[in-house]
Protein backbone atom coordinates (compact mmCIF):
# COMPACT_ATOMS: atom_id res chain seq x y z
CA MET A 1 11.42 12.70 24.61
CA PHE A 2 11.55 11.02 21.24
CA PHE A 3 13.12 7.90 19.84
CA ARG A 4 15.63 7.64 17.03
CA SER A 5 16.76 4.55 15.16
CA ASP A 6 19.77 4.26 17.46
CA ARG A 7 17.78 4.80 20.67
CA ARG A 8 14.46 3.01 20.46
CA PRO A 9 12.02 1.63 23.03
CA ASP A 10 11.80 -2.01 23.95
CA ALA A 11 14.98 -2.91 22.11
CA VAL A 12 15.91 -6.56 22.02
CA PRO A 13 19.25 -8.24 21.47
CA SER A 14 20.16 -8.67 17.84
CA SER A 15 21.05 -12.31 18.43
CA SER A 16 17.58 -13.61 17.72
CA PRO A 17 17.27 -17.32 17.00
CA THR A 18 17.68 -18.04 13.32
CA SER A 19 14.36 -19.84 13.18
CA TRP A 20 12.66 -16.60 14.22
CA ALA A 21 14.62 -14.37 11.84
CA ALA A 22 11.55 -13.67 9.70
CA PHE A 23 9.66 -12.40 12.78
CA SER A 24 12.50 -10.71 14.68
CA SER A 25 10.88 -7.26 14.73
CA LEU A 26 7.81 -8.66 16.47
CA ARG A 27 9.98 -9.38 19.53
CA ILE A 28 9.93 -5.61 20.16
CA PRO A 29 6.70 -4.92 22.13
CA SER A 30 6.10 -1.41 20.76
CA TYR A 31 6.52 -2.57 17.17
CA ARG A 32 4.24 -5.51 17.91
CA THR A 33 1.55 -3.04 19.01
CA LEU A 34 2.03 -1.06 15.79
CA TRP A 35 1.78 -4.30 13.81
CA TRP A 36 -1.52 -5.32 15.44
CA GLY A 37 -2.93 -1.82 14.96
CA GLY A 38 -1.98 -2.05 11.30
CA LEU A 39 -3.62 -5.45 11.00
CA PHE A 40 -7.02 -4.11 12.10
CA THR A 41 -6.54 -0.92 10.10
CA PHE A 42 -5.84 -2.84 6.92
CA MET A 43 -8.77 -5.14 7.51
CA SER A 44 -11.08 -2.13 7.62
CA VAL A 45 -9.34 -0.50 4.66
CA GLN A 46 -9.46 -3.61 2.47
CA MET A 47 -13.16 -4.04 3.16
CA GLN A 48 -13.89 -0.42 2.30
CA PHE A 49 -11.71 -0.54 -0.79
CA LEU A 50 -13.85 -3.31 -2.21
CA LEU A 51 -17.14 -1.82 -0.99
CA ARG A 52 -16.31 1.54 -2.58
CA GLY A 53 -15.98 -0.12 -5.96
CA LEU A 54 -19.08 -2.28 -5.51
CA LEU A 55 -21.24 0.68 -4.50
CA ALA A 56 -19.96 2.86 -7.35
CA TRP A 57 -20.69 0.05 -9.82
CA ASP A 58 -24.15 -0.60 -8.36
CA LEU A 59 -25.04 3.09 -8.55
CA THR A 60 -23.83 3.67 -12.13
CA GLU A 61 -22.60 0.44 -13.82
CA ARG A 62 -19.89 2.49 -15.55
CA GLU A 63 -16.10 1.99 -15.51
CA GLY A 64 -15.73 5.76 -15.61
CA ALA A 65 -17.58 6.10 -12.29
CA LEU A 66 -15.19 3.59 -10.69
CA GLY A 67 -12.29 5.68 -11.93
CA LEU A 68 -13.90 8.92 -10.73
CA VAL A 69 -14.23 7.68 -7.15
CA TYR A 70 -10.58 6.61 -7.08
CA LEU A 71 -9.61 9.93 -8.69
CA CYS A 72 -11.07 11.75 -5.67
CA PHE A 73 -9.10 9.46 -3.38
CA GLY A 74 -5.92 9.99 -5.39
CA LEU A 75 -6.13 13.79 -5.60
CA SER A 76 -6.65 14.14 -1.86
CA LEU A 77 -3.79 11.68 -1.26
CA LEU A 78 -1.59 13.69 -3.61
CA PHE A 79 -2.21 16.84 -1.60
CA ALA A 80 -2.04 15.30 1.87
CA THR A 81 0.87 12.84 1.57
CA PRO A 82 3.68 15.46 1.42
CA LEU A 83 2.11 17.20 4.42
CA GLY A 84 1.91 13.84 6.17
CA GLY A 85 5.61 13.32 5.60
CA VAL A 86 6.41 16.73 7.08
CA ALA A 87 4.14 16.04 10.06
CA SER A 88 5.72 12.66 10.80
CA ASP A 89 9.20 14.24 10.76
CA ARG A 90 8.09 16.80 13.37
CA TYR A 91 5.08 15.72 15.46
CA SER A 92 3.91 12.74 17.50
CA LYS A 93 3.48 9.79 15.17
CA ARG A 94 0.98 8.17 17.51
CA MET A 95 -1.20 11.29 17.38
CA ILE A 96 -1.05 11.32 13.57
CA LEU A 97 -2.01 7.64 13.32
CA VAL A 98 -4.91 7.92 15.78
CA LEU A 99 -6.39 11.06 14.18
CA ALA A 100 -6.12 9.55 10.71
CA GLN A 101 -7.78 6.37 11.94
CA PHE A 102 -10.59 8.43 13.48
CA VAL A 103 -11.38 10.00 10.09
CA ILE A 104 -11.35 6.58 8.39
CA THR A 105 -13.77 5.26 11.03
CA VAL A 106 -16.22 8.16 10.83
CA PHE A 107 -16.64 8.01 7.07
CA ALA A 108 -17.01 4.23 7.07
CA VAL A 109 -19.93 4.60 9.47
CA LEU A 110 -21.46 7.51 7.52
CA MET A 111 -21.37 5.56 4.25
CA GLY A 112 -22.90 2.52 5.92
CA MET A 113 -25.76 4.61 7.30
CA ALA A 114 -26.32 6.27 3.92
CA VAL A 115 -26.68 2.88 2.23
CA LEU A 116 -28.95 1.47 4.94
CA LEU A 117 -31.19 4.56 4.73
CA ASP A 118 -31.25 4.21 0.92
CA VAL A 119 -29.91 7.73 0.35
CA ALA A 120 -26.44 6.81 -0.96
CA GLN A 121 -25.32 8.72 -4.03
CA LEU A 122 -22.13 8.87 -6.06
CA TRP A 123 -21.16 12.29 -4.67
CA MET A 124 -21.22 10.85 -1.15
CA LEU A 125 -18.71 8.20 -2.21
CA MET A 126 -16.58 10.97 -3.68
CA VAL A 127 -16.65 13.00 -0.44
CA ALA A 128 -15.78 9.91 1.61
CA ALA A 129 -12.95 9.13 -0.80
CA VAL A 130 -11.53 12.66 -0.36
CA ALA A 131 -11.70 12.45 3.45
CA GLN A 132 -10.16 8.99 3.64
CA GLY A 133 -7.53 9.83 1.02
CA THR A 134 -6.48 12.79 3.16
CA ALA A 135 -6.31 10.57 6.23
CA PHE A 136 -4.18 8.03 4.39
CA GLY A 137 -1.85 10.79 3.29
CA PHE A 138 -0.94 11.31 6.94
CA PHE A 139 -1.26 7.67 8.07
CA GLY A 140 1.11 6.06 5.56
CA PRO A 141 4.33 8.06 6.04
CA ALA A 142 3.87 8.16 9.82
CA ARG A 143 3.41 4.39 10.07
CA VAL A 144 6.48 3.47 8.01
CA ALA A 145 8.69 6.10 9.67
CA PHE A 146 7.39 4.89 13.05
CA SER A 147 8.61 1.38 12.19
CA ALA A 148 12.10 2.75 11.60
CA ASP A 149 12.02 4.52 14.99
CA LEU A 150 10.91 1.39 16.82
CA VAL A 151 13.19 -1.27 15.31
CA GLY A 152 16.25 0.58 14.02
CA ARG A 153 17.96 0.34 10.65
CA GLU A 154 19.36 -3.15 11.23
CA GLN A 155 15.83 -4.62 11.23
CA LEU A 156 14.15 -2.09 8.95
CA GLY A 157 13.68 -4.45 6.03
CA ASN A 158 12.22 -7.10 8.31
CA ALA A 159 9.79 -4.59 9.86
CA ILE A 160 8.57 -3.34 6.48
CA ALA A 161 8.12 -6.89 5.20
CA LEU A 162 6.09 -7.79 8.29
CA SER A 163 4.01 -4.62 7.89
CA LEU A 164 3.16 -5.68 4.35
CA LEU A 165 2.43 -9.17 5.68
CA SER A 166 -0.23 -7.71 7.98
CA MET A 167 -1.71 -5.76 5.09
CA ASN A 168 -1.66 -8.68 2.68
CA GLY A 169 -2.85 -11.14 5.30
CA THR A 170 -6.06 -9.16 5.70
CA ARG A 171 -6.49 -9.17 1.94
CA ILE A 172 -6.95 -12.93 2.08
CA PHE A 173 -10.21 -12.72 3.98
CA ALA A 174 -11.29 -9.06 4.37
CA PRO A 175 -12.36 -8.48 0.73
CA SER A 176 -14.04 -11.88 0.64
CA LEU A 177 -15.84 -11.06 3.88
CA ALA A 178 -16.92 -7.70 2.49
CA GLY A 179 -18.11 -9.28 -0.75
CA VAL A 180 -20.04 -12.03 1.04
CA LEU A 181 -21.64 -9.55 3.46
CA ALA A 182 -22.50 -7.19 0.60
CA GLY A 183 -24.24 -10.01 -1.24
CA TRP A 184 -26.08 -11.24 1.86
CA ALA A 185 -29.50 -9.64 2.23
CA LEU A 186 -29.20 -9.50 6.02
CA PHE A 187 -26.20 -7.18 5.75
CA GLY A 188 -25.83 -5.80 2.24
CA ILE A 189 -23.29 -3.12 1.35
CA GLY A 190 -24.52 -0.88 4.20
CA GLY A 191 -24.02 -3.54 6.87
CA ALA A 192 -20.63 -4.41 5.45
CA TYR A 193 -19.58 -0.76 5.70
CA LEU A 194 -20.62 -0.69 9.37
CA MET A 195 -18.61 -3.86 10.00
CA ALA A 196 -15.59 -2.12 8.45
CA GLY A 197 -16.24 0.85 10.75
CA ALA A 198 -16.29 -1.40 13.83
CA THR A 199 -12.96 -2.92 12.80
CA ALA A 200 -11.52 0.59 12.41
CA VAL A 201 -12.55 1.38 15.99
CA VAL A 202 -10.57 -1.63 17.23
CA ALA A 203 -7.56 -0.40 15.25
CA MET A 204 -7.82 3.05 16.85
CA MET A 205 -7.93 1.56 20.36
CA VAL A 206 -4.79 -0.50 19.68
CA LEU A 207 -2.91 2.47 18.20
CA LEU A 208 -3.61 4.48 21.36
CA ARG A 209 -1.31 2.03 23.21
CA LEU A 210 1.74 3.08 21.17
CA PRO A 211 4.55 5.15 22.73
CA ASN A 212 4.40 8.88 22.06
CA VAL A 213 7.21 9.09 19.48
CA SER A 214 7.90 12.64 18.30
CA GLY A 215 9.37 13.55 14.97
CA SER A 216 13.11 13.83 14.38
CA ARG A 217 12.80 17.58 13.74
CA ASP A 218 10.78 18.55 16.80
CA ASP A 219 13.78 20.61 17.96
CA VAL A 220 13.09 23.20 15.26
CA ASP A 221 11.48 26.36 16.59
CA ALA A 222 7.72 26.31 16.00
CA PRO A 223 7.47 29.96 14.82
CA SER A 224 9.86 29.18 11.94
CA PHE A 225 7.87 26.17 10.81
CA ASN A 226 6.79 26.37 7.17
CA PRO A 227 5.30 23.09 5.87
CA TRP A 228 5.77 24.04 2.22
CA ALA A 229 9.43 24.86 2.83
CA GLU A 230 9.77 21.49 4.56
CA ILE A 231 8.22 19.73 1.55
CA ILE A 232 10.55 21.56 -0.84
CA ASP A 233 13.50 20.61 1.36
CA GLY A 234 12.43 16.97 1.17
CA VAL A 235 12.15 17.10 -2.62
CA ARG A 236 15.57 18.74 -2.91
CA TYR A 237 17.02 16.07 -0.66
CA VAL A 238 15.73 13.32 -2.95
CA VAL A 239 16.77 15.12 -6.14
CA ALA A 240 20.30 15.61 -4.78
CA LYS A 241 20.74 11.84 -4.28
CA PRO A 242 20.61 10.15 -7.73
CA PRO A 243 20.03 6.56 -6.46
CA LEU A 244 17.15 7.76 -4.29
CA ARG A 245 15.77 9.95 -7.07
CA ARG A 246 15.72 7.07 -9.56
CA LEU A 247 14.06 4.79 -7.02
CA VAL A 248 11.29 7.28 -6.17
CA LEU A 249 10.52 8.06 -9.83
CA SER A 250 10.43 4.43 -10.94
CA SER A 251 8.25 3.45 -7.97
CA PHE A 252 5.82 6.21 -8.85
CA PHE A 253 5.15 4.85 -12.35
CA ILE A 254 5.23 1.18 -11.39
CA VAL A 255 2.62 1.56 -8.64
CA MET A 256 0.57 4.27 -10.37
CA PHE A 257 -0.09 2.13 -13.43
CA GLY A 258 0.50 -1.41 -12.18
CA PHE A 259 -1.70 -1.25 -9.10
CA ASN A 260 -4.68 0.16 -10.99
CA TYR A 261 -5.85 -3.32 -11.94
CA VAL A 262 -7.54 -3.57 -8.52
CA ALA A 263 -9.81 -0.59 -9.29
CA PHE A 264 -11.41 -2.56 -12.11
CA TYR A 265 -12.12 -5.82 -10.29
CA PRO A 266 -15.91 -5.16 -10.28
CA ALA A 267 -15.98 -4.34 -14.00
CA MET A 268 -13.89 -7.39 -14.90
CA ILE A 269 -15.65 -9.91 -12.63
CA GLU A 270 -19.22 -8.68 -12.99
CA GLY A 271 -19.09 -6.99 -16.39
CA VAL A 272 -16.84 -9.42 -18.31
CA PHE A 273 -17.17 -12.74 -16.45
CA GLY A 274 -20.81 -12.19 -15.42
CA LEU A 275 -20.31 -13.18 -11.76
CA ASP A 276 -21.66 -11.61 -8.54
CA ASP A 277 -20.18 -9.47 -5.75
CA ALA A 278 -18.75 -12.40 -3.78
CA TYR A 279 -16.39 -13.31 -6.63
CA VAL A 280 -14.92 -9.81 -6.56
CA GLY A 281 -13.87 -10.53 -2.99
CA TYR A 282 -12.51 -13.94 -3.90
CA ILE A 283 -10.18 -12.64 -6.61
CA SER A 284 -8.89 -9.93 -4.31
CA SER A 285 -8.05 -12.68 -1.83
CA ALA A 286 -6.04 -14.44 -4.55
CA SER A 287 -3.70 -11.45 -4.69
CA ALA A 288 -3.32 -11.61 -0.93
CA LEU A 289 -2.50 -15.33 -1.00
CA GLY A 290 0.34 -14.67 -3.41
CA ALA A 291 1.55 -11.78 -1.29
CA VAL A 292 1.56 -13.75 1.96
CA ALA A 293 3.34 -16.64 0.24
CA VAL A 294 6.39 -14.45 -0.41
CA SER A 295 6.18 -12.19 2.67
CA ILE A 296 7.61 -14.58 5.28
CA PRO A 297 10.71 -15.70 3.30
CA LEU A 298 11.15 -12.12 2.12
CA ALA A 299 11.12 -10.79 5.70
CA SER A 300 14.35 -12.62 6.53
CA ARG A 301 16.05 -11.54 3.28
CA ALA A 302 14.89 -7.94 2.84
CA ASN A 303 18.28 -6.49 3.85
CA SER A 304 20.40 -8.85 1.73
CA SER A 305 22.91 -7.68 -0.87
CA LYS A 306 20.68 -9.09 -3.61
CA ALA A 307 17.68 -6.94 -2.67
CA LYS A 308 18.00 -4.59 -5.64
CA ILE A 309 18.07 -7.47 -8.13
CA ALA A 310 15.02 -9.08 -6.51
CA MET A 311 13.21 -5.72 -6.47
CA ILE A 312 13.68 -5.22 -10.21
CA LEU A 313 12.57 -8.78 -10.94
CA GLY A 314 9.51 -8.15 -8.77
CA GLY A 315 8.64 -5.03 -10.77
CA LEU A 316 9.01 -6.87 -14.09
CA GLY A 317 6.91 -9.79 -12.83
CA PHE A 318 4.29 -7.38 -11.53
CA GLY A 319 3.84 -5.80 -14.97
CA LEU A 320 3.83 -9.17 -16.73
CA GLY A 321 1.15 -10.47 -14.36
CA VAL A 322 -1.10 -7.46 -14.97
CA ILE A 323 -0.86 -8.07 -18.73
CA ALA A 324 -1.80 -11.73 -18.16
CA PHE A 325 -4.80 -10.62 -16.09
CA GLY A 326 -6.06 -8.59 -19.04
CA LEU A 327 -5.76 -11.70 -21.23
CA ALA A 328 -7.37 -14.14 -18.75
CA PRO A 329 -10.19 -16.08 -20.49
CA GLY A 330 -12.15 -16.89 -17.33
CA PHE A 331 -12.40 -16.44 -13.58
CA TRP A 332 -10.14 -19.27 -12.43
CA SER A 333 -7.32 -18.38 -14.81
CA ALA A 334 -7.63 -14.79 -13.61
CA PHE A 335 -7.56 -16.07 -10.00
CA ALA A 336 -4.25 -17.85 -10.62
CA VAL A 337 -2.71 -14.88 -12.41
CA ILE A 338 -3.71 -12.46 -9.64
CA GLY A 339 -2.01 -14.73 -7.09
CA PHE A 340 1.22 -14.29 -9.03
CA VAL A 341 0.64 -10.52 -9.30
CA GLY A 342 0.19 -10.26 -5.53
CA GLY A 343 3.50 -11.99 -4.87
CA ALA A 344 5.47 -9.93 -7.40
CA ASN A 345 3.94 -6.68 -6.17
CA THR A 346 4.84 -7.51 -2.56
CA ILE A 347 8.45 -8.22 -3.47
CA TYR A 348 8.68 -4.89 -5.26
CA GLN A 349 6.98 -2.80 -2.57
CA THR A 350 8.86 -4.35 0.35
CA LEU A 351 12.29 -3.94 -1.18
CA SER A 352 11.71 -0.50 -2.71
CA ASN A 353 10.46 0.92 0.62
CA THR A 354 13.34 -0.68 2.50
CA MET A 355 15.85 0.69 0.02
CA ALA A 356 14.32 4.19 0.15
CA LEU A 357 14.54 4.38 3.95
CA SER A 358 18.02 2.88 3.97
CA LEU A 359 19.18 5.66 1.61
CA SER A 360 17.62 8.38 3.81
CA ASP A 361 18.86 10.04 6.99
CA ASP A 362 16.66 10.17 10.11
CA ALA A 363 15.59 13.79 9.58
CA HIS A 364 14.12 13.08 6.14
CA GLN A 365 12.61 9.61 6.53
CA GLY A 366 9.00 10.81 6.80
CA ARG A 367 9.25 13.04 3.76
CA VAL A 368 11.08 10.46 1.66
CA GLN A 369 8.42 7.92 2.55
CA SER A 370 5.70 10.43 1.64
CA LEU A 371 7.26 10.84 -1.81
CA MET A 372 7.36 7.06 -2.21
CA GLN A 373 3.69 6.84 -1.28
CA LEU A 374 2.69 9.53 -3.76
CA SER A 375 2.56 6.63 -6.21
CA PHE A 376 -0.70 5.57 -4.55
CA ALA A 377 -2.04 9.07 -5.13
CA GLY A 378 -1.01 8.64 -8.74
CA PHE A 379 -2.84 5.31 -8.78
CA GLY A 380 -6.06 7.04 -7.74
CA ILE A 381 -5.59 9.89 -10.20
CA ALA A 382 -4.79 7.57 -13.10
CA ALA A 383 -7.88 5.44 -12.39
CA ALA A 384 -10.25 8.05 -13.86
CA PRO A 385 -8.60 8.46 -17.28
CA LEU A 386 -7.90 4.71 -17.40
CA GLY A 387 -11.59 4.07 -16.70
CA LEU A 388 -12.58 6.37 -19.56
CA LEU A 389 -9.96 4.71 -21.76
CA ALA A 390 -11.43 1.31 -20.91
CA GLU A 391 -14.85 2.50 -22.10
CA VAL A 392 -13.30 3.50 -25.43
CA ILE A 393 -10.80 0.73 -26.25
CA GLY A 394 -12.12 -2.05 -24.00
CA LEU A 395 -11.38 -3.10 -20.44
CA ARG A 396 -8.97 -5.91 -21.32
CA GLN A 397 -6.90 -3.67 -23.56
CA ALA A 398 -6.68 -0.97 -20.89
CA ILE A 399 -5.50 -3.46 -18.24
CA MET A 400 -2.85 -4.83 -20.60
CA GLY A 401 -1.65 -1.28 -21.20
CA MET A 402 -1.24 -0.79 -17.43
CA GLY A 403 1.00 -3.85 -17.28
CA LEU A 404 3.06 -2.71 -20.25
CA VAL A 405 3.77 0.68 -18.64
CA THR A 406 4.74 -1.08 -15.40
CA MET A 407 7.26 -3.33 -17.14
CA THR A 408 8.67 -0.38 -19.08
CA ALA A 409 9.25 1.59 -15.87
CA ALA A 410 11.11 -1.36 -14.33
CA VAL A 411 13.31 -1.69 -17.42
CA VAL A 412 14.07 2.05 -17.47
CA TYR A 413 15.14 1.87 -13.81
CA LEU A 414 17.37 -1.10 -14.59
CA VAL A 415 19.06 0.79 -17.42
CA ALA A 416 19.38 3.99 -15.35
CA GLU A 417 21.11 2.02 -12.60
CA GLY A 418 23.69 0.94 -15.13
CA GLY A 419 22.30 -2.51 -15.74
CA VAL A 420 22.25 -3.91 -12.23
CA VAL A 421 21.83 -7.41 -13.61
CA SER A 422 24.99 -7.44 -15.71
CA VAL A 423 26.76 -10.55 -16.95
CA ARG A 424 28.69 -10.58 -13.66
CA ASP A 425 25.46 -10.44 -11.68
CA GLU A 426 23.45 -13.05 -13.59
CA ALA A 427 24.48 -15.81 -11.18
CA GLU A 428 23.41 -13.69 -8.21
CA ALA A 429 20.06 -12.95 -9.87
CA LEU A 430 19.41 -16.63 -10.48
CA GLU A 431 20.47 -17.43 -6.93
CA ALA A 432 18.08 -14.77 -5.56
CA ILE A 433 15.18 -16.28 -7.54
CA GLU A 434 16.08 -19.79 -6.39
CA GLU A 435 16.24 -18.71 -2.73
CA LEU A 436 12.76 -17.17 -2.85
CA ALA A 437 11.35 -20.15 -4.73
CA ALA A 438 12.89 -22.62 -2.27
CA ALA A 439 11.58 -20.66 0.70
């Protein structure tokens, strides 16, 4: 038995109290379990994300090495994400999530032991990045498609916003915790990695409590199953729907270039500002604070008629904030700018993912989501050439270039959509901004 968006477990009446509108999806027990599992998963992931950069910098002190590690992550994600989308459309989503979490846990522990035994090398980071990138390629599409199965289309935007809230909430303290532990002699980077591994174990135990939700295409005969044909079918589906095609392409460039600023936190904080590991964690938390600040009001508005306008404004603000980060004269100005970047990025990601799933039928949701998440593979791939570019033209200039490309992609999407914010829509755009600001 499997669940569809119109026949989901633990359904609750749609007449939730208005005061709880931002948290309505959490009234569904199975989604609440998925949310808690995601919370612990993201805590582990955010810690490892920071530790990966810190260890690469400590081993080499080169921006190019930072980019190389994320390149390995991105290439494996690029290969695995389409397969993850196919798998989530066909197989048990709980099984996919648990197996992916197991891989994340194992390599967190292995890296921690390598550091503690003083045998860590750059190639080990690269291998771990490949393994975890592959795991994420399966984890991401399954988790988002699972949300749609559990809450239905009428609460899809709310569920995605709350999922991002769990991710961004951990970013407030997880990177800071990792940075503090890494700089504390009692723990160091190795101990911090093991702490991230322990958190991943908790996530895996929670995910095991989820219902066994099969894919929407599990009725297809197994002997005829061809994953590559399924991937091609998913691509054709997106190409055949112009609004969905434009959304996927614009998201790819906005995330691929805009999100790369996080890969260079260690180089900016330690190399430019001359601060220690703990400050790398602090500035990552600034992004999370901005993200959480917009997540709760956004959760109750993610399905509104003004979502597309707010999404485009979020993409433009995201690019502008990245440019400002490249220009920041000191740590505290950078801290403030990154808070703004975190909020704008969350608005864009929440609304673009909601829109993509809303434009997709049940049979293609996993594959559409996998194409949306290929942008994170692009982020990892672009990190290597951007790191080399930073060594040639300067780190600040490279970061500003990332922001410029991000803004350009948002503008191109706006034009391709026929100028969503036309003269007729200007009042609605201003009203959308005012609503988010008031909330």
